[in-house]
Structures are given as C-alpha cells and as structure tokens.
C-alpha cells in the first residue's frame, strides 16, 4: 500500500509590515489561488484526511481557505510551528509525527522548505513550487520512513493553470461563479434583549459604516447555520447568547455576481463583550426598539422578521 502527500505553498501575501514576516496576511489574489487549488483537489476526489499547516498568517489562512473550499471546514487543521522556516529534516520530523492512520496528508507551508522537501522525496533537482501551487506525491506506507527519492510525483499544479471561476452545484453542474459555492449560503442573527418588559434590538454599522445591519456572514463548512451565525455575532457585534432553533426567515440578494441566500435567526443576548475583546470594534453597536430597527435596517426583508420576533416575545 502507498500513501499520498499534498504539498501546498501558501498564497501570495501582503508586503511585510514593520519587518514582521510571520504575521504577513494573505492577499485577496492569494486567497483565490488557494481556493482554486482546493477546488481542483475536490473535483479530482483527492480530499486529504489530515491537514497540517504552518501557523504563519499567510500559510494558515491558505489552509483555512483551502479546507473550506473543499467542504471540509477548517476546524481540524493541525498547526505546527516547525513548518515555518523549516529545513528538510524538520519537515521530515513533522511528517513522522503524522498519525499512521492518515492515508493522504495536506501540508501547507513555505519555500524554500517545501521545495527542498519535494526534491528530497522525488529525487529531482531544481524543483519549483510557486505561490499557491500544489505538488502531489505517492509515498511509501510509513510516514516515519521517508528516504531520499522514495516518492513519485503524480501531479504538479499551479493556480494560473486552473479556471478563475468556481463551479456551482446544479442540475448540470455547469454554472460558474466568482467565489466557491459555500459563499452563497449565509447566516445572520437578530440580537435582542428584554429590558423593563420591552424588547430591544441590537443593530450595528456595516463594515464601511454607511448602513445599519445585523451580524451576518458565510455559513462556514463544518459548522451549522446557527454556529456560523453565533460566530458572526461574536466578531461583528461583540455579543454572545442563545440562538433560536428555527430560522425566522430567509432572503435572497445579489453578491459576488450571483444570488446569495441568507437564513436569519434570533439571538437572545446574554453577554456583551468588552470593547477590547470585540474583534470588529471599529463598528458601532446600539440598542433600538423593534420599530426603529425595522425602519433603519438596510435589508428591507429584515423588517417583517424583526416585527415577527417582537410579536412572538409578546412585546412591541
């Protein structure tokens, strides 16, 4: 029996800020490259059963974008500090610690480490591995016994060789969209509290501070709609609470060049995070009456849901 190793170099990163190479964020083109590569993996039925990544920002975000685009979710990624600025010997030790039950491993990291590891494993000189490129190798049946030249190269793929747009599942599976399919299903919450017998709704400013909105975001692969909505509430509004089991409703709007469906849930707020613990504290958050929320929220479909929530609570 054999095993497979997928080596994925991180996507293009932003320029260094104050010389801090470790924290350099991935750029938007870098994200798209990682997603295109992950879509190729998914469509060729090459899903890994173990994912390990450098914890450097650009590599970890590459791993997360790739796992989500494959429909796996990012919760199972194993971070290993040794991958950052690793030598071949260090990367071999990383692979040696992989569970023996893993048959196909995705390792996300950096050059020159990945390039040198590739040369070591397949015995080829002057290996090239551009940003967001993927190398697929067949290896012996033991992660702890990887000798020079023991691997056989199966594929070498660069993002530029792949379609820029992403397949969207449908009857003929022929529709292409600007983003991976999971982007087009979203979750939102209407945060509320009862104060002195009256309902109050929390609204927040949009990221560009032009409109009043409620917390909303992509339904993350590997998470339920409610879990995704709760995460958005924590990040965007700095609140935690109890999410309703059933959606208040849903609406469809245009985003990323196609119809996007958003499912809306109620959230009874139990805690407001302190300003310093609120991830997107550049926004403004405020409590208003249901009537004010219905009138102020940018998405008109939310108004009836706010009113229905207030009626269910027995207040107006």
Protein backbone atom coordinates (compact mmCIF):
# COMPACT_ATOMS: atom_id res chain seq x y z
CA UNK A 1 0.00 0.00 0.00
CA UNK A 2 1.03 3.61 -0.51
CA UNK A 3 0.25 6.99 0.91
CA UNK A 4 -0.08 10.40 -0.68
CA UNK A 5 1.35 13.76 0.29
CA UNK A 6 -0.08 17.04 -0.99
CA UNK A 7 2.36 19.94 -0.61
CA UNK A 8 0.65 23.32 -0.89
CA UNK A 9 2.65 26.51 -0.78
CA UNK A 10 0.89 29.47 0.81
CA UNK A 11 -0.88 32.00 -1.42
CA UNK A 12 0.50 35.42 -2.23
CA UNK A 13 0.87 37.58 0.88
CA UNK A 14 0.76 41.28 1.54
CA UNK A 15 4.03 43.17 1.94
CA UNK A 16 5.79 42.94 5.28
CA UNK A 17 4.61 45.33 7.96
CA UNK A 18 7.42 46.62 10.14
CA UNK A 19 9.54 43.62 9.25
CA UNK A 20 7.16 41.08 10.83
CA UNK A 21 7.27 38.27 8.29
CA UNK A 22 5.35 35.77 10.43
CA UNK A 23 2.20 37.90 10.61
CA UNK A 24 2.04 38.96 6.97
CA UNK A 25 -1.58 38.43 5.87
CA UNK A 26 -2.56 36.66 2.69
CA UNK A 27 -3.73 38.89 -0.17
CA UNK A 28 -7.05 38.54 -1.98
CA UNK A 29 -5.33 37.01 -5.05
CA UNK A 30 -3.60 34.62 -2.66
CA UNK A 31 -6.95 33.54 -1.21
CA UNK A 32 -8.40 32.93 -4.66
CA UNK A 33 -5.35 30.88 -5.65
CA UNK A 34 -5.73 28.66 -2.59
CA UNK A 35 -9.43 28.22 -3.30
CA UNK A 36 -8.85 27.34 -6.96
CA UNK A 37 -6.30 24.72 -5.94
CA UNK A 38 -8.68 23.29 -3.34
CA UNK A 39 -11.45 23.11 -5.94
CA UNK A 40 -9.12 21.07 -8.16
CA UNK A 41 -8.45 18.70 -5.23
CA UNK A 42 -12.18 18.35 -4.56
CA UNK A 43 -13.17 17.78 -8.17
CA UNK A 44 -10.48 15.10 -8.55
CA UNK A 45 -11.62 13.28 -5.39
CA UNK A 46 -8.27 13.80 -3.64
CA UNK A 47 -9.55 15.04 -0.29
CA UNK A 48 -6.94 14.77 2.48
CA UNK A 49 -7.76 13.01 5.74
CA UNK A 50 -5.15 15.01 7.68
CA UNK A 51 -4.22 18.69 7.25
CA UNK A 52 -1.19 20.28 8.85
CA UNK A 53 -0.07 23.89 8.43
CA UNK A 54 2.50 26.42 9.40
CA UNK A 55 0.93 28.84 11.90
CA UNK A 56 2.26 31.86 9.98
CA UNK A 57 -0.72 34.03 8.99
CA UNK A 58 -0.40 33.60 5.22
CA UNK A 59 0.00 29.82 5.44
CA UNK A 60 -2.73 29.23 7.99
CA UNK A 61 -5.23 31.32 6.03
CA UNK A 62 -4.25 29.38 2.89
CA UNK A 63 -5.04 26.15 4.73
CA UNK A 64 -8.33 27.52 6.01
CA UNK A 65 -9.46 28.80 2.62
CA UNK A 66 -8.48 25.52 1.00
CA UNK A 67 -10.27 23.34 3.56
CA UNK A 68 -13.45 25.38 3.31
CA UNK A 69 -13.40 25.32 -0.48
CA UNK A 70 -13.12 21.52 -0.26
CA UNK A 71 -16.19 21.49 2.02
CA UNK A 72 -14.22 20.11 4.97
CA UNK A 73 -14.32 23.03 7.35
CA UNK A 74 -11.22 24.47 8.96
CA UNK A 75 -11.71 23.11 12.48
CA UNK A 76 -9.42 20.09 12.03
CA UNK A 77 -6.29 21.88 10.81
CA UNK A 78 -3.23 21.00 12.88
CA UNK A 79 -0.82 23.91 13.35
CA UNK A 80 2.88 23.07 13.68
CA UNK A 81 5.41 25.80 14.42
CA UNK A 82 8.21 23.65 12.99
CA UNK A 83 6.94 24.18 9.44
CA UNK A 84 7.78 27.90 9.50
CA UNK A 85 11.35 28.37 8.19
CA UNK A 86 11.79 24.58 8.31
CA UNK A 87 14.69 22.55 6.98
CA UNK A 88 14.12 19.27 5.18
CA UNK A 89 15.00 17.36 8.35
CA UNK A 90 12.45 19.33 10.35
CA UNK A 91 9.71 18.73 7.77
CA UNK A 92 10.51 15.00 7.78
CA UNK A 93 10.05 15.03 11.56
CA UNK A 94 6.72 16.82 11.10
CA UNK A 95 5.60 14.09 8.69
CA UNK A 96 6.93 11.43 11.04
CA UNK A 97 4.52 12.66 13.70
CA UNK A 98 1.51 12.30 11.39
CA UNK A 99 -0.87 9.54 12.59
CA UNK A 100 -0.17 6.30 10.76
CA UNK A 101 -3.89 6.05 10.01
CA UNK A 102 -3.64 9.09 7.69
CA UNK A 103 -3.55 7.96 4.07
CA UNK A 104 -3.49 11.34 2.32
CA UNK A 105 -1.91 14.36 4.03
CA UNK A 106 -2.08 18.02 3.02
CA UNK A 107 0.91 20.03 4.29
CA UNK A 108 0.71 23.82 3.87
CA UNK A 109 3.94 25.74 4.24
CA UNK A 110 6.69 27.88 2.75
CA UNK A 111 9.61 27.91 0.38
CA UNK A 112 12.45 27.05 0.40
CA UNK A 113 11.40 24.31 2.85
CA UNK A 114 8.69 22.76 0.70
CA UNK A 115 10.78 22.98 -2.47
CA UNK A 116 13.72 21.22 -0.80
CA UNK A 117 11.45 18.58 0.71
CA UNK A 118 9.99 17.92 -2.73
CA UNK A 119 13.46 17.47 -4.21
CA UNK A 120 14.40 15.13 -1.37
CA UNK A 121 11.32 12.96 -1.82
CA UNK A 122 11.16 12.65 -5.62
CA UNK A 123 14.90 12.89 -6.31
CA UNK A 124 14.54 15.73 -8.82
CA UNK A 125 16.80 18.77 -8.74
CA UNK A 126 15.80 22.43 -9.08
CA UNK A 127 12.18 21.84 -8.05
CA UNK A 128 9.83 24.80 -8.44
CA UNK A 129 6.79 25.47 -6.31
CA UNK A 130 5.25 28.91 -6.95
CA UNK A 131 2.84 30.56 -4.53
CA UNK A 132 -0.40 28.57 -4.04
CA UNK A 133 0.99 25.76 -6.22
CA UNK A 134 0.39 22.12 -5.35
CA UNK A 135 2.65 19.08 -5.60
CA UNK A 136 1.13 15.61 -5.20
CA UNK A 137 3.39 12.67 -4.39
CA UNK A 138 2.98 8.96 -3.85
CA UNK A 139 4.98 7.77 -0.83
CA UNK A 140 5.79 4.50 0.97
CA UNK A 141 3.40 3.15 3.58
CA UNK A 142 5.10 4.67 6.62
CA UNK A 143 5.36 8.37 7.43
CA UNK A 144 8.39 7.68 9.60
CA UNK A 145 10.44 6.02 6.85
CA UNK A 146 10.83 8.56 4.06
CA UNK A 147 14.19 8.03 2.39
CA UNK A 148 15.70 10.21 -0.37
CA UNK A 149 13.99 9.54 -3.69
CA UNK A 150 11.29 7.35 -2.13
CA UNK A 151 8.44 9.39 -3.62
CA UNK A 152 6.88 9.51 -7.06
CA UNK A 153 5.47 12.77 -8.39
CA UNK A 154 1.87 12.41 -9.54
CA UNK A 155 0.77 15.99 -10.22
CA UNK A 156 2.21 19.49 -10.20
CA UNK A 157 -0.46 22.19 -10.48
CA UNK A 158 -0.21 25.98 -10.50
CA UNK A 159 -3.19 28.25 -9.80
CA UNK A 160 -2.72 30.02 -13.14
CA UNK A 161 -3.41 26.74 -14.92
CA UNK A 162 -6.88 26.48 -13.37
CA UNK A 163 -10.15 28.30 -14.19
CA UNK A 164 -10.55 31.62 -12.41
CA UNK A 165 -14.23 30.98 -11.61
CA UNK A 166 -15.69 28.27 -9.41
CA UNK A 167 -18.25 25.55 -10.22
CA UNK A 168 -21.62 25.90 -8.54
CA UNK A 169 -23.59 22.68 -7.94
CA UNK A 170 -26.71 22.41 -10.04
CA UNK A 171 -28.60 20.08 -12.36
CA UNK A 172 -25.83 20.17 -14.98
CA UNK A 173 -23.03 21.37 -12.67
CA UNK A 174 -22.03 23.86 -15.36
CA UNK A 175 -22.64 27.21 -13.66
CA UNK A 176 -19.51 29.15 -12.73
CA UNK A 177 -19.37 31.82 -10.04
CA UNK A 178 -16.89 34.36 -8.69
CA UNK A 179 -16.42 32.53 -5.38
CA UNK A 180 -16.55 28.91 -4.12
CA UNK A 181 -20.07 27.51 -3.72
CA UNK A 182 -20.21 27.80 0.08
CA UNK A 183 -20.01 31.62 -0.09
CA UNK A 184 -23.57 31.77 -1.43
CA UNK A 185 -25.28 30.45 1.71
CA UNK A 186 -25.16 32.81 4.68
CA UNK A 187 -26.44 33.06 8.25
CA UNK A 188 -27.49 36.14 10.21
CA UNK A 189 -28.84 36.88 13.69
CA UNK A 190 -31.20 39.49 15.04
CA UNK A 191 -29.78 40.11 18.54
CA UNK A 192 -32.40 41.04 21.13
CA UNK A 193 -32.88 41.52 24.85
CA UNK A 194 -35.80 42.18 27.17
CA UNK A 195 -35.37 45.28 29.31
CA UNK A 196 -38.07 46.52 31.67
CA UNK A 197 -40.60 44.37 29.86
CA UNK A 198 -39.73 45.83 26.47
CA UNK A 199 -37.82 44.23 23.58
CA UNK A 200 -34.68 45.90 22.26
CA UNK A 201 -32.84 45.01 19.08
CA UNK A 202 -29.12 45.48 18.57
CA UNK A 203 -28.08 46.94 15.22
CA UNK A 204 -24.52 47.55 14.05
CA UNK A 205 -22.91 49.68 11.40
CA UNK A 206 -21.77 47.97 8.22
CA UNK A 207 -18.03 47.48 7.72
CA UNK A 208 -17.86 50.74 5.75
CA UNK A 209 -20.02 52.50 8.35
CA UNK A 210 -22.69 53.51 5.83
CA UNK A 211 -25.69 51.39 6.86
CA UNK A 212 -27.32 49.76 9.86
CA UNK A 213 -27.22 45.97 9.64
CA UNK A 214 -27.32 42.86 11.80
CA UNK A 215 -24.45 40.36 12.15
CA UNK A 216 -24.25 38.23 9.00
CA UNK A 217 -21.72 36.05 7.24
CA UNK A 218 -20.97 32.93 5.25
CA UNK A 219 -22.23 29.63 6.62
CA UNK A 220 -18.88 28.03 7.26
CA UNK A 221 -18.34 24.45 6.08
CA UNK A 222 -18.24 22.10 9.04
CA UNK A 223 -20.50 24.39 11.10
CA UNK A 224 -24.27 24.55 11.42
CA UNK A 225 -26.09 27.72 10.30
CA UNK A 226 -26.63 28.61 13.97
CA UNK A 227 -22.96 28.08 14.85
CA UNK A 228 -21.88 30.27 11.95
CA UNK A 229 -24.39 32.95 12.95
CA UNK A 230 -23.16 32.89 16.55
CA UNK A 231 -19.57 33.35 15.36
CA UNK A 232 -20.59 36.35 13.24
CA UNK A 233 -22.41 37.87 16.21
CA UNK A 234 -19.33 37.50 18.37
CA UNK A 235 -16.99 39.00 15.77
CA UNK A 236 -19.15 41.75 14.24
CA UNK A 237 -21.30 42.83 17.20
CA UNK A 238 -19.28 41.60 20.16
CA UNK A 239 -22.23 39.71 21.67
CA UNK A 240 -22.93 36.17 22.78
CA UNK A 241 -26.22 34.49 23.51
CA UNK A 242 -28.74 31.78 22.70
CA UNK A 243 -29.59 31.22 19.03
CA UNK A 244 -33.09 30.12 18.09
CA UNK A 245 -33.50 26.58 16.81
CA UNK A 246 -35.61 27.63 13.83
CA UNK A 247 -34.90 30.41 11.35
CA UNK A 248 -37.10 33.50 11.48
CA UNK A 249 -36.97 33.51 7.70
CA UNK A 250 -34.60 33.97 4.81
CA UNK A 251 -33.97 36.35 1.94
CA UNK A 252 -32.06 36.34 -1.32
CA UNK A 253 -29.81 39.15 -2.53
CA UNK A 254 -27.10 39.71 -5.12
CA UNK A 255 -23.47 39.30 -4.02
CA UNK A 256 -20.30 38.07 -5.74
CA UNK A 257 -22.15 38.14 -9.05
CA UNK A 258 -24.94 35.72 -8.15
CA UNK A 259 -27.95 35.08 -5.91
CA UNK A 260 -26.97 34.57 -2.26
CA UNK A 261 -29.38 33.13 0.32
CA UNK A 262 -29.25 34.33 3.91
CA UNK A 263 -31.05 32.47 6.73
CA UNK A 264 -31.91 34.66 9.72
CA UNK A 265 -32.09 33.53 13.36
CA UNK A 266 -32.96 35.21 16.63
CA UNK A 267 -30.34 35.56 19.35
CA UNK A 268 -31.21 36.35 22.97
CA UNK A 269 -28.10 38.23 24.08
CA UNK A 270 -26.61 37.09 27.36
CA UNK A 271 -23.29 38.93 27.22
CA UNK A 272 -21.76 41.98 25.58
CA UNK A 273 -18.02 41.69 25.14
CA UNK A 274 -15.79 44.48 26.39
CA UNK A 275 -14.57 46.86 23.69
CA UNK A 276 -11.05 45.40 23.71
CA UNK A 277 -12.42 41.84 23.31
CA UNK A 278 -14.73 42.76 20.43
CA UNK A 279 -12.93 41.80 17.22
CA UNK A 280 -14.61 44.34 14.93
CA UNK A 281 -14.84 47.17 17.43
CA UNK A 282 -14.42 49.73 14.64
CA UNK A 283 -18.15 49.28 14.11
CA UNK A 284 -20.79 50.99 16.24
CA UNK A 285 -23.44 48.96 18.04
CA UNK A 286 -26.60 50.26 19.61
CA UNK A 287 -29.88 49.04 21.10
CA UNK A 288 -33.09 50.31 19.49
CA UNK A 289 -36.78 49.47 19.59
CA UNK A 290 -38.13 46.85 17.16
CA UNK A 291 -39.89 49.64 15.25
CA UNK A 292 -36.67 51.61 14.91
CA UNK A 293 -34.75 48.51 13.83
CA UNK A 294 -37.35 47.63 11.20
CA UNK A 295 -37.11 51.15 9.79
CA UNK A 296 -33.32 51.51 9.96
CA UNK A 297 -32.02 48.17 8.72
CA UNK A 298 -30.68 48.33 5.19
CA UNK A 299 -32.12 44.96 4.12
CA UNK A 300 -35.88 45.55 3.79
CA UNK A 301 -36.72 41.86 4.25
CA UNK A 302 -35.44 42.06 7.83
CA UNK A 303 -38.19 44.46 8.94
CA UNK A 304 -41.02 41.88 8.96
CA UNK A 305 -38.73 39.39 10.74
CA UNK A 306 -37.98 41.92 13.49
CA UNK A 307 -41.69 42.61 13.89
CA UNK A 308 -42.49 38.87 13.96
CA UNK A 309 -39.82 38.35 16.63
CA UNK A 310 -41.25 41.15 18.78
CA UNK A 311 -44.77 39.72 18.43
CA UNK A 312 -43.51 36.26 19.43
CA UNK A 313 -41.93 37.76 22.52
CA UNK A 314 -45.29 39.34 23.39
CA UNK A 315 -44.00 42.89 23.13
CA UNK A 316 -43.99 45.62 20.52
